[in-house]
Amino acid sequence: MRTVEELNKSKAPIVRIDPSLEQYRDKVLFPEKLAKANELLKTAKLPSRKRVTS
């Protein structure tokens, strides 16, 4: 176990994940939104990159 001083100096946040959330791991909660997002990603294009000369 870390001391309080070590935890305070750490850059990582202290987070405890609720184990009851495991029931949602492989479920799609919003299938309509997922389908719409996948369709948008299929047709999306990346912006052109401008070259910077120095």
N, C-alpha and C. Protein backbone atom coordinates (compact mmCIF):
# COMPACT_ATOMS: atom_id res chain seq x y z
N MET A 1 0.83 -1.18 0.00
CA MET A 1 0.00 0.00 0.00
C MET A 1 0.88 1.24 0.00
N ARG A 2 0.51 2.22 -0.77
CA ARG A 2 1.26 3.46 -0.85
C ARG A 2 0.90 4.38 0.31
N THR A 3 1.84 5.23 0.64
CA THR A 3 1.57 6.21 1.69
C THR A 3 0.81 7.38 1.08
N VAL A 4 0.25 8.21 1.93
CA VAL A 4 -0.50 9.37 1.47
C VAL A 4 0.40 10.32 0.69
N GLU A 5 1.63 10.48 1.14
CA GLU A 5 2.56 11.38 0.45
C GLU A 5 2.85 10.89 -0.97
N GLU A 6 3.03 9.58 -1.13
CA GLU A 6 3.28 9.02 -2.46
C GLU A 6 2.07 9.23 -3.37
N LEU A 7 0.88 9.06 -2.82
CA LEU A 7 -0.33 9.25 -3.62
C LEU A 7 -0.50 10.71 -4.01
N ASN A 8 -0.15 11.62 -3.12
CA ASN A 8 -0.28 13.04 -3.42
C ASN A 8 0.70 13.48 -4.50
N LYS A 9 1.88 12.88 -4.54
CA LYS A 9 2.89 13.24 -5.53
C LYS A 9 2.60 12.61 -6.89
N SER A 10 1.81 11.57 -6.91
CA SER A 10 1.52 10.84 -8.14
C SER A 10 0.71 11.70 -9.11
N LYS A 11 1.00 11.56 -10.40
CA LYS A 11 0.26 12.29 -11.43
C LYS A 11 -1.00 11.54 -11.85
N ALA A 12 -1.09 10.26 -11.54
CA ALA A 12 -2.24 9.46 -11.93
C ALA A 12 -3.40 9.70 -10.97
N PRO A 13 -4.61 9.82 -11.50
CA PRO A 13 -5.75 10.00 -10.62
C PRO A 13 -6.07 8.71 -9.87
N ILE A 14 -6.65 8.86 -8.71
CA ILE A 14 -7.06 7.70 -7.92
C ILE A 14 -8.52 7.44 -8.24
N VAL A 15 -8.77 6.30 -8.88
CA VAL A 15 -10.12 5.98 -9.33
C VAL A 15 -10.44 4.55 -8.92
N ARG A 16 -11.62 4.36 -8.40
CA ARG A 16 -12.10 3.02 -8.09
C ARG A 16 -13.28 2.74 -9.01
N ILE A 17 -13.17 1.71 -9.82
CA ILE A 17 -14.22 1.37 -10.79
C ILE A 17 -15.22 0.43 -10.13
N ASP A 18 -16.48 0.77 -10.28
CA ASP A 18 -17.55 -0.01 -9.69
C ASP A 18 -17.67 -1.35 -10.41
N PRO A 19 -17.54 -2.47 -9.70
CA PRO A 19 -17.60 -3.79 -10.35
C PRO A 19 -18.96 -4.10 -10.97
N SER A 20 -20.02 -3.43 -10.54
CA SER A 20 -21.34 -3.71 -11.11
C SER A 20 -21.45 -3.24 -12.56
N LEU A 21 -20.50 -2.45 -13.03
CA LEU A 21 -20.51 -1.99 -14.42
C LEU A 21 -20.09 -3.09 -15.40
N GLU A 22 -19.56 -4.18 -14.90
CA GLU A 22 -19.14 -5.30 -15.76
C GLU A 22 -20.30 -5.88 -16.56
N GLN A 23 -21.52 -5.72 -16.08
CA GLN A 23 -22.67 -6.27 -16.79
C GLN A 23 -22.89 -5.59 -18.14
N TYR A 24 -22.32 -4.41 -18.34
CA TYR A 24 -22.49 -3.67 -19.59
C TYR A 24 -21.33 -3.85 -20.56
N ARG A 25 -20.36 -4.68 -20.22
CA ARG A 25 -19.14 -4.79 -21.03
C ARG A 25 -19.41 -5.17 -22.48
N ASP A 26 -20.21 -6.17 -22.76
CA ASP A 26 -20.42 -6.64 -24.13
C ASP A 26 -21.80 -6.29 -24.67
N LYS A 27 -22.50 -5.36 -24.03
CA LYS A 27 -23.83 -4.97 -24.49
C LYS A 27 -23.76 -3.66 -25.25
N VAL A 28 -24.54 -3.58 -26.33
CA VAL A 28 -24.69 -2.32 -27.05
C VAL A 28 -25.94 -1.65 -26.49
N LEU A 29 -25.74 -0.54 -25.80
CA LEU A 29 -26.86 0.11 -25.14
C LEU A 29 -27.68 0.98 -26.09
N PHE A 30 -27.05 1.52 -27.13
CA PHE A 30 -27.74 2.40 -28.06
C PHE A 30 -27.45 1.94 -29.49
N PRO A 31 -28.14 0.88 -29.96
CA PRO A 31 -27.82 0.32 -31.28
C PRO A 31 -28.08 1.30 -32.43
N GLU A 32 -29.09 2.17 -32.31
CA GLU A 32 -29.37 3.12 -33.39
C GLU A 32 -28.23 4.13 -33.51
N LYS A 33 -27.77 4.63 -32.39
CA LYS A 33 -26.68 5.60 -32.41
C LYS A 33 -25.38 4.95 -32.89
N LEU A 34 -25.16 3.70 -32.52
CA LEU A 34 -23.96 3.00 -32.98
C LEU A 34 -23.99 2.81 -34.49
N ALA A 35 -25.14 2.44 -35.03
CA ALA A 35 -25.26 2.26 -36.47
C ALA A 35 -25.03 3.58 -37.20
N LYS A 36 -25.59 4.66 -36.68
CA LYS A 36 -25.41 5.97 -37.30
C LYS A 36 -23.95 6.41 -37.25
N ALA A 37 -23.30 6.20 -36.12
CA ALA A 37 -21.88 6.56 -35.97
C ALA A 37 -21.02 5.74 -36.91
N ASN A 38 -21.29 4.46 -37.04
CA ASN A 38 -20.51 3.62 -37.95
C ASN A 38 -20.70 4.06 -39.40
N GLU A 39 -21.91 4.45 -39.76
CA GLU A 39 -22.16 4.92 -41.12
C GLU A 39 -21.42 6.22 -41.39
N LEU A 40 -21.41 7.12 -40.43
CA LEU A 40 -20.68 8.38 -40.59
C LEU A 40 -19.18 8.13 -40.71
N LEU A 41 -18.67 7.18 -39.96
CA LEU A 41 -17.24 6.89 -40.01
C LEU A 41 -16.84 6.25 -41.34
N LYS A 42 -17.75 5.51 -41.95
CA LYS A 42 -17.46 4.89 -43.24
C LYS A 42 -17.27 5.96 -44.32
N THR A 43 -18.07 7.01 -44.27
CA THR A 43 -18.05 8.02 -45.32
C THR A 43 -17.18 9.23 -44.97
N ALA A 44 -16.66 9.30 -43.77
CA ALA A 44 -15.88 10.46 -43.34
C ALA A 44 -14.52 10.47 -44.02
N LYS A 45 -14.06 11.66 -44.32
CA LYS A 45 -12.74 11.82 -44.90
C LYS A 45 -11.90 12.67 -43.96
N LEU A 46 -10.62 12.38 -43.93
CA LEU A 46 -9.72 13.17 -43.10
C LEU A 46 -9.39 14.47 -43.81
N PRO A 47 -9.20 15.54 -43.06
CA PRO A 47 -8.82 16.80 -43.70
C PRO A 47 -7.42 16.70 -44.30
N SER A 48 -7.20 17.46 -45.35
CA SER A 48 -5.88 17.42 -45.98
C SER A 48 -4.86 18.09 -45.07
N ARG A 49 -3.67 17.55 -45.07
CA ARG A 49 -2.60 18.10 -44.23
C ARG A 49 -1.83 19.14 -45.01
N LYS A 50 -1.62 20.26 -44.39
CA LYS A 50 -0.82 21.31 -45.01
C LYS A 50 0.61 21.14 -44.53
N ARG A 51 1.53 21.19 -45.47
CA ARG A 51 2.94 21.06 -45.11
C ARG A 51 3.48 22.41 -44.68
N VAL A 52 4.19 22.40 -43.60
CA VAL A 52 4.80 23.61 -43.10
C VAL A 52 6.27 23.58 -43.47
N THR A 53 6.70 24.59 -44.19
CA THR A 53 8.11 24.67 -44.54
C THR A 53 8.78 25.70 -43.65
N SER A 54 9.95 25.36 -43.18
CA SER A 54 10.63 26.31 -42.30
C SER A 54 11.92 26.80 -42.89
